[in-house]
């Protein structure tokens, strides 16, 4: 059995498929050529065992032998330390990769996710729109000047930033051609396509099992 085990839900509705965050860990493993298996916990009801492994009842969480981590960002950084395909081994390249990985989570996703949830409530004037627009404009300025975020090449920072930005609704206002090209280029990578297809197939098989 694979030493790396990625845990996800046994099933989710169609809406979030392709965006459940185990995809990030699958994608990283595919980029790095790391062998892994996928196991599941129930979406509903959540069990005491699930909370024992992930205190917020979310996915993914990751097993690497006796080591266990929750949160997709923590899992990505753990995987990145296993392969220079995901993060350079030199101190400068590693530091640059780390800062942009954290930026994807703390400067972009921490605004985009609450903005998206408020939008689900149907409010005509989302109070977070200006904040999100500012953050997206700033990352557009960065991407106009460089192909990759860190170390002059693809790293786990690009994987995570592209995954945050690829939610179409988040990019649906404003004209940001560099960001559009960045997301398109990175999601054309074979590792992303395989990880995405595998997640979609996983949930489709769950539909059949539930029928």
Protein backbone atom coordinates (compact mmCIF):
# COMPACT_ATOMS: atom_id res chain seq x y z
CA UNK A 1 0.00 0.00 0.00
CA UNK A 2 1.15 3.54 -0.76
CA UNK A 3 2.88 5.29 2.11
CA UNK A 4 1.18 8.59 1.23
CA UNK A 5 -2.58 8.56 1.82
CA UNK A 6 -4.80 11.50 0.88
CA UNK A 7 -8.17 11.59 2.65
CA UNK A 8 -11.24 13.13 1.04
CA UNK A 9 -15.01 12.83 1.27
CA UNK A 10 -16.82 9.71 0.15
CA UNK A 11 -19.23 11.86 -1.88
CA UNK A 12 -20.12 15.50 -2.52
CA UNK A 13 -22.86 17.13 -4.64
CA UNK A 14 -22.03 18.15 -8.19
CA UNK A 15 -21.36 21.82 -7.38
CA UNK A 16 -18.06 21.48 -5.49
CA UNK A 17 -16.69 18.62 -7.60
CA UNK A 18 -13.38 19.54 -9.15
CA UNK A 19 -12.73 22.00 -6.31
CA UNK A 20 -12.63 19.83 -3.18
CA UNK A 21 -9.19 20.52 -1.80
CA UNK A 22 -7.86 16.99 -1.86
CA UNK A 23 -7.30 17.96 -5.50
CA UNK A 24 -4.38 20.14 -4.39
CA UNK A 25 -2.60 17.21 -2.78
CA UNK A 26 -3.37 14.86 -5.68
CA UNK A 27 -2.00 17.49 -8.08
CA UNK A 28 1.19 17.98 -6.07
CA UNK A 29 1.80 14.23 -5.97
CA UNK A 30 1.26 13.99 -9.72
CA UNK A 31 3.69 16.85 -10.38
CA UNK A 32 6.34 15.29 -8.16
CA UNK A 33 5.77 11.66 -9.21
CA UNK A 34 4.95 10.65 -5.64
CA UNK A 35 2.98 7.46 -5.18
CA UNK A 36 -0.23 7.93 -3.22
CA UNK A 37 -3.57 6.37 -2.38
CA UNK A 38 -6.92 8.04 -1.72
CA UNK A 39 -9.22 7.09 1.13
CA UNK A 40 -12.48 8.57 2.29
CA UNK A 41 -14.47 9.79 5.25
CA UNK A 42 -18.25 10.33 5.15
CA UNK A 43 -19.49 13.76 4.15
CA UNK A 44 -22.56 13.26 6.32
CA UNK A 45 -22.79 12.45 9.10
CA UNK A 46 -19.30 13.43 10.19
CA UNK A 47 -17.86 10.94 12.63
CA UNK A 48 -15.83 11.27 15.81
CA UNK A 49 -12.98 9.52 13.99
CA UNK A 50 -13.03 12.20 11.29
CA UNK A 51 -12.80 14.99 13.90
CA UNK A 52 -9.96 13.12 15.57
CA UNK A 53 -7.94 13.47 12.36
CA UNK A 54 -9.23 16.87 11.22
CA UNK A 55 -10.54 19.00 14.10
CA UNK A 56 -12.85 21.04 11.85
CA UNK A 57 -14.38 18.06 10.08
CA UNK A 58 -12.94 19.11 6.73
CA UNK A 59 -10.79 17.50 4.04
CA UNK A 60 -8.14 16.86 3.03
CA UNK A 61 -5.83 15.38 5.56
CA UNK A 62 -2.69 13.47 4.74
CA UNK A 63 -0.89 10.41 6.10
CA UNK A 64 2.80 9.92 5.42
CA UNK A 65 3.67 6.78 7.34
CA UNK A 66 3.22 7.66 11.02
CA UNK A 67 3.00 11.38 10.24
CA UNK A 68 -0.41 12.98 9.81
CA UNK A 69 -1.27 16.52 8.71
CA UNK A 70 -4.50 18.43 8.16
CA UNK A 71 -5.08 21.59 6.07
CA UNK A 72 -4.28 21.57 2.37
CA UNK A 73 -1.55 24.22 2.74
CA UNK A 74 0.30 22.20 5.36
CA UNK A 75 -0.01 19.09 3.22
CA UNK A 76 1.31 20.90 0.17
CA UNK A 77 4.36 22.21 1.98
CA UNK A 78 5.07 18.76 3.37
CA UNK A 79 4.91 17.27 -0.13
CA UNK A 80 7.00 20.13 -1.53
CA UNK A 81 9.83 19.24 0.82
CA UNK A 82 9.91 15.78 -0.77
CA UNK A 83 10.61 17.00 -4.30
CA UNK A 84 12.50 19.87 -5.90
CA UNK A 85 9.89 19.73 -8.66
CA UNK A 86 7.64 21.50 -6.16
CA UNK A 87 10.10 23.64 -4.21
CA UNK A 88 13.80 24.45 -4.76
CA UNK A 89 16.25 23.14 -2.22
CA UNK A 90 18.33 26.32 -1.98
CA UNK A 91 17.42 28.74 0.85
CA UNK A 92 16.51 31.66 -1.41
CA UNK A 93 14.30 29.59 -3.70
CA UNK A 94 12.63 27.88 -0.76
CA UNK A 95 11.94 31.18 0.99
CA UNK A 96 10.44 32.73 -2.14
CA UNK A 97 8.25 29.67 -2.67
CA UNK A 98 7.08 29.68 0.94
CA UNK A 99 6.13 33.34 0.90
CA UNK A 100 4.00 33.01 -2.24
CA UNK A 101 2.39 29.81 -0.99
CA UNK A 102 1.32 31.61 2.17
CA UNK A 103 0.23 34.62 0.10
CA UNK A 104 -2.13 32.45 -1.93
CA UNK A 105 -3.83 31.35 1.28
CA UNK A 106 -3.62 34.52 3.38
CA UNK A 107 -3.81 37.36 0.86
CA UNK A 108 -6.06 35.94 -1.86
CA UNK A 109 -8.08 32.96 -0.61
CA UNK A 110 -8.87 34.52 2.77
CA UNK A 111 -10.69 37.26 0.83
CA UNK A 112 -12.10 35.26 -2.08
CA UNK A 113 -13.78 32.53 -0.01
CA UNK A 114 -15.79 34.85 2.27
CA UNK A 115 -16.64 37.00 -0.78
CA UNK A 116 -17.98 33.90 -2.51
CA UNK A 117 -20.02 32.82 0.52
CA UNK A 118 -21.59 36.27 0.85
CA UNK A 119 -22.47 36.11 -2.84
CA UNK A 120 -24.35 32.87 -2.25
CA UNK A 121 -26.73 34.81 0.00
CA UNK A 122 -27.81 36.84 -3.00
CA UNK A 123 -26.75 40.24 -1.72
CA UNK A 124 -26.70 42.76 -4.57
CA UNK A 125 -23.87 44.77 -2.99
CA UNK A 126 -21.21 42.43 -1.62
CA UNK A 127 -19.21 44.45 0.93
CA UNK A 128 -16.06 42.44 0.17
CA UNK A 129 -16.03 43.15 -3.58
CA UNK A 130 -13.72 46.15 -3.33
CA UNK A 131 -11.29 44.26 -1.11
CA UNK A 132 -11.21 41.27 -3.45
CA UNK A 133 -10.84 43.49 -6.49
CA UNK A 134 -7.85 45.19 -4.90
CA UNK A 135 -6.16 41.88 -4.13
CA UNK A 136 -6.80 40.58 -7.66
CA UNK A 137 -5.42 43.80 -9.15
CA UNK A 138 -2.26 43.42 -7.08
CA UNK A 139 -1.66 39.82 -8.20
CA UNK A 140 -2.37 40.91 -11.78
CA UNK A 141 0.44 43.44 -11.46
CA UNK A 142 2.81 40.73 -10.28
CA UNK A 143 1.84 38.32 -13.05
CA UNK A 144 2.36 40.97 -15.72
CA UNK A 145 6.04 40.98 -14.76
CA UNK A 146 6.77 37.26 -14.39
CA UNK A 147 5.73 33.87 -15.70
CA UNK A 148 6.05 32.12 -12.33
CA UNK A 149 5.70 33.39 -8.78
CA UNK A 150 8.92 31.99 -7.33
CA UNK A 151 12.38 30.79 -8.31
CA UNK A 152 11.82 31.49 -12.01
CA UNK A 153 9.91 28.25 -12.54
CA UNK A 154 6.80 26.30 -11.57
CA UNK A 155 6.58 25.58 -7.85
CA UNK A 156 3.95 24.60 -5.33
CA UNK A 157 3.23 28.33 -4.98
CA UNK A 158 1.93 28.40 -8.57
CA UNK A 159 -0.08 25.25 -7.97
CA UNK A 160 -1.84 26.81 -5.01
CA UNK A 161 -2.29 30.31 -6.46
CA UNK A 162 -3.73 28.90 -9.68
CA UNK A 163 -6.08 26.67 -7.71
CA UNK A 164 -7.35 29.67 -5.76
CA UNK A 165 -7.75 31.79 -8.89
CA UNK A 166 -9.30 29.16 -11.14
CA UNK A 167 -12.75 29.60 -9.57
CA UNK A 168 -14.38 31.34 -12.52
CA UNK A 169 -16.74 33.52 -10.50
CA UNK A 170 -13.81 35.05 -8.63
CA UNK A 171 -12.33 36.26 -11.93
CA UNK A 172 -15.68 37.28 -13.44
CA UNK A 173 -15.27 41.02 -12.90
CA UNK A 174 -12.41 43.20 -14.12
CA UNK A 175 -9.99 42.83 -17.00
CA UNK A 176 -6.89 40.93 -15.88
CA UNK A 177 -5.33 39.24 -18.91
CA UNK A 178 -2.11 38.22 -17.15
CA UNK A 179 -4.07 36.37 -14.47
CA UNK A 180 -6.27 34.70 -17.08
CA UNK A 181 -3.23 33.53 -19.03
CA UNK A 182 -1.56 32.31 -15.83
CA UNK A 183 -4.55 30.19 -14.76
CA UNK A 184 -4.99 28.81 -18.28
CA UNK A 185 -1.30 27.91 -18.59
CA UNK A 186 -1.08 26.16 -15.24
CA UNK A 187 -4.34 24.24 -15.55
CA UNK A 188 -3.12 22.88 -18.87
CA UNK A 189 -0.40 20.98 -17.06
CA UNK A 190 -0.85 17.19 -17.38
CA UNK A 191 -0.58 16.73 -13.61
CA UNK A 192 -3.53 19.07 -12.99
CA UNK A 193 -5.62 17.40 -15.68
CA UNK A 194 -5.02 13.96 -14.20
CA UNK A 195 -5.71 15.05 -10.62
CA UNK A 196 -8.90 16.82 -11.69
CA UNK A 197 -10.11 13.89 -13.78
CA UNK A 198 -9.38 11.46 -10.96
CA UNK A 199 -11.35 13.52 -8.45
CA UNK A 200 -14.30 13.82 -10.82
CA UNK A 201 -14.21 10.06 -11.44
CA UNK A 202 -14.05 9.40 -7.70
CA UNK A 203 -17.27 11.31 -7.02
CA UNK A 204 -18.97 9.93 -10.13
CA UNK A 205 -18.26 6.39 -8.87
CA UNK A 206 -19.79 7.40 -5.54
CA UNK A 207 -22.97 8.40 -7.37
CA UNK A 208 -23.18 4.90 -8.80
CA UNK A 209 -22.62 3.34 -5.39
CA UNK A 210 -25.38 5.48 -3.88
CA UNK A 211 -27.91 4.71 -6.64
